[in-house]
Structure formats: structure tokens, C-alpha cells
Amino acid sequence: MAAPDPDWPKEVRDAALEEARRLFNVGITRVKSDLANGRLGNLFTSYPQQMTIKDAYGANVAFKTTPRPMANRLPSRFLGELGPVAPKSIAGGA
């Protein structure tokens, strides 16, 4: 979710931010595993992904602009709030 519109009243911005935080917490607590088949649950909180700037705006996702017409997605602002209980990052992936 992109940041709330700075033109919104403070109460509305705060409520939108709290809802985004709630959805983040719902997402990270719903990781599924299949231990019977040797598959641990995976939580992908941040990964390099690009999309067109037009699509990023349309999907309302936060991004960092690049010189090209592509947008680099940003990790969730709530990752830092997890503190010492945050899962450790593992480089690589499929």
C-alpha cells in the first residue's frame, strides 16, 4: 500500500496507516507450511521486483523511480517495526 495522501486530514491518514499495518500483520501471520511433504512455510517480505510506473500507480504500490519507465518496488515500511523478532533475511530465491 502506498502512503496515505498528505492532503487527507490527520485522523484519516492515521486510520489508513493503521489499517495498512493491520493488513501487514495479517499477511505475515498466515504463512502456511506443508511439513508432511518437507516444505517449510516461506514468507517473502521483500524482493527485487520491477513493474512499469503506470502499473505501480494503478496498483497503488510504493516504489522508487528509475531513469527508465520502470519502478522498483519498496519493502514494507512495517518490517522495521518487527524488531528483534523479525525473521532473518535469506538471500537468493527461486
Protein backbone atom coordinates (compact mmCIF):
# COMPACT_ATOMS: atom_id res chain seq x y z
CA MET A 1 0.00 0.00 0.00
CA ALA A 2 1.27 3.44 -0.84
CA ALA A 3 1.43 6.14 1.80
CA PRO A 4 -1.81 7.92 2.63
CA ASP A 5 -2.44 11.15 0.72
CA PRO A 6 -0.81 14.05 2.60
CA ASP A 7 -3.88 16.18 1.81
CA TRP A 8 -6.13 13.91 3.89
CA PRO A 9 -6.99 15.02 7.43
CA LYS A 10 -4.60 13.65 10.07
CA GLU A 11 -7.26 11.32 11.53
CA VAL A 12 -7.91 9.79 8.10
CA ARG A 13 -4.16 9.37 7.39
CA ASP A 14 -3.65 7.75 10.81
CA ALA A 15 -6.58 5.38 10.23
CA ALA A 16 -5.27 4.42 6.77
CA LEU A 17 -1.80 3.78 8.18
CA GLU A 18 -3.21 1.65 11.00
CA GLU A 19 -5.27 -0.38 8.50
CA ALA A 20 -2.16 -0.95 6.37
CA ARG A 21 -0.27 -2.08 9.49
CA ARG A 22 -3.12 -4.45 10.39
CA LEU A 23 -3.10 -5.97 6.89
CA PHE A 24 0.69 -6.39 7.06
CA ASN A 25 0.34 -8.28 10.35
CA VAL A 26 -2.46 -10.44 8.95
CA GLY A 27 -0.27 -11.32 5.97
CA ILE A 28 2.81 -12.28 7.96
CA THR A 29 0.84 -14.44 10.37
CA ARG A 30 -0.80 -16.50 7.61
CA VAL A 31 2.30 -18.27 6.28
CA LYS A 32 1.44 -21.90 5.51
CA SER A 33 3.73 -24.89 5.73
CA ASP A 34 3.38 -28.46 4.49
CA LEU A 35 5.57 -30.34 6.95
CA ALA A 36 4.25 -33.74 5.83
CA ASN A 37 5.94 -33.09 2.49
CA GLY A 38 9.03 -31.42 3.93
CA ARG A 39 8.05 -27.89 2.95
CA LEU A 40 8.54 -25.15 5.48
CA GLY A 41 6.45 -22.04 5.19
CA ASN A 42 8.07 -19.20 3.30
CA LEU A 43 7.46 -15.54 3.91
CA PHE A 44 8.60 -13.22 1.14
CA THR A 45 8.61 -9.79 2.74
CA SER A 46 10.79 -8.06 0.21
CA TYR A 47 12.24 -9.00 -3.12
CA PRO A 48 13.51 -7.16 -6.15
CA GLN A 49 10.64 -6.63 -8.49
CA GLN A 50 10.05 -4.14 -11.20
CA MET A 51 6.88 -3.04 -12.87
CA THR A 52 6.03 -0.15 -15.11
CA ILE A 53 5.48 3.13 -13.31
CA LYS A 54 1.98 3.25 -14.81
CA ASP A 55 1.15 -0.18 -13.34
CA ALA A 56 2.67 0.77 -9.97
CA TYR A 57 0.45 3.85 -9.79
CA GLY A 58 -2.55 1.81 -10.87
CA ALA A 59 -1.90 -0.85 -8.22
CA ASN A 60 -1.20 1.80 -5.55
CA VAL A 61 2.13 0.25 -4.55
CA ALA A 62 5.09 2.16 -3.15
CA PHE A 63 8.06 2.34 -5.45
CA LYS A 64 11.33 4.06 -6.17
CA THR A 65 11.60 5.61 -9.60
CA THR A 66 14.37 4.72 -12.00
CA PRO A 67 15.71 6.51 -15.09
CA ARG A 68 13.70 4.09 -17.22
CA PRO A 69 9.91 3.83 -17.29
CA MET A 70 10.16 1.14 -14.63
CA ALA A 71 9.56 1.27 -10.88
CA ASN A 72 11.47 -0.69 -8.23
CA ARG A 73 9.03 -1.84 -5.55
CA LEU A 74 9.91 -0.93 -1.99
CA PRO A 75 9.75 -3.27 1.02
CA SER A 76 7.01 -2.70 3.57
CA ARG A 77 7.57 0.20 5.94
CA PHE A 78 6.36 -2.07 8.76
CA LEU A 79 9.29 -4.53 8.55
CA GLY A 80 11.32 -2.28 10.85
CA GLU A 81 8.59 -2.43 13.47
CA LEU A 82 9.11 -6.18 13.96
CA GLY A 83 12.31 -5.52 15.91
CA PRO A 84 14.34 -8.47 17.19
CA VAL A 85 11.58 -10.97 16.43
CA ALA A 86 11.80 -10.22 12.70
CA PRO A 87 12.73 -13.24 10.59
CA LYS A 88 16.29 -13.11 9.29
CA SER A 89 16.70 -12.40 5.59
CA ILE A 90 17.91 -15.16 3.33
CA ALA A 91 19.48 -14.10 0.07
CA GLY A 92 18.62 -15.87 -3.14
CA GLY A 93 15.40 -17.50 -4.12
CA ALA A 94 13.67 -19.14 -6.97
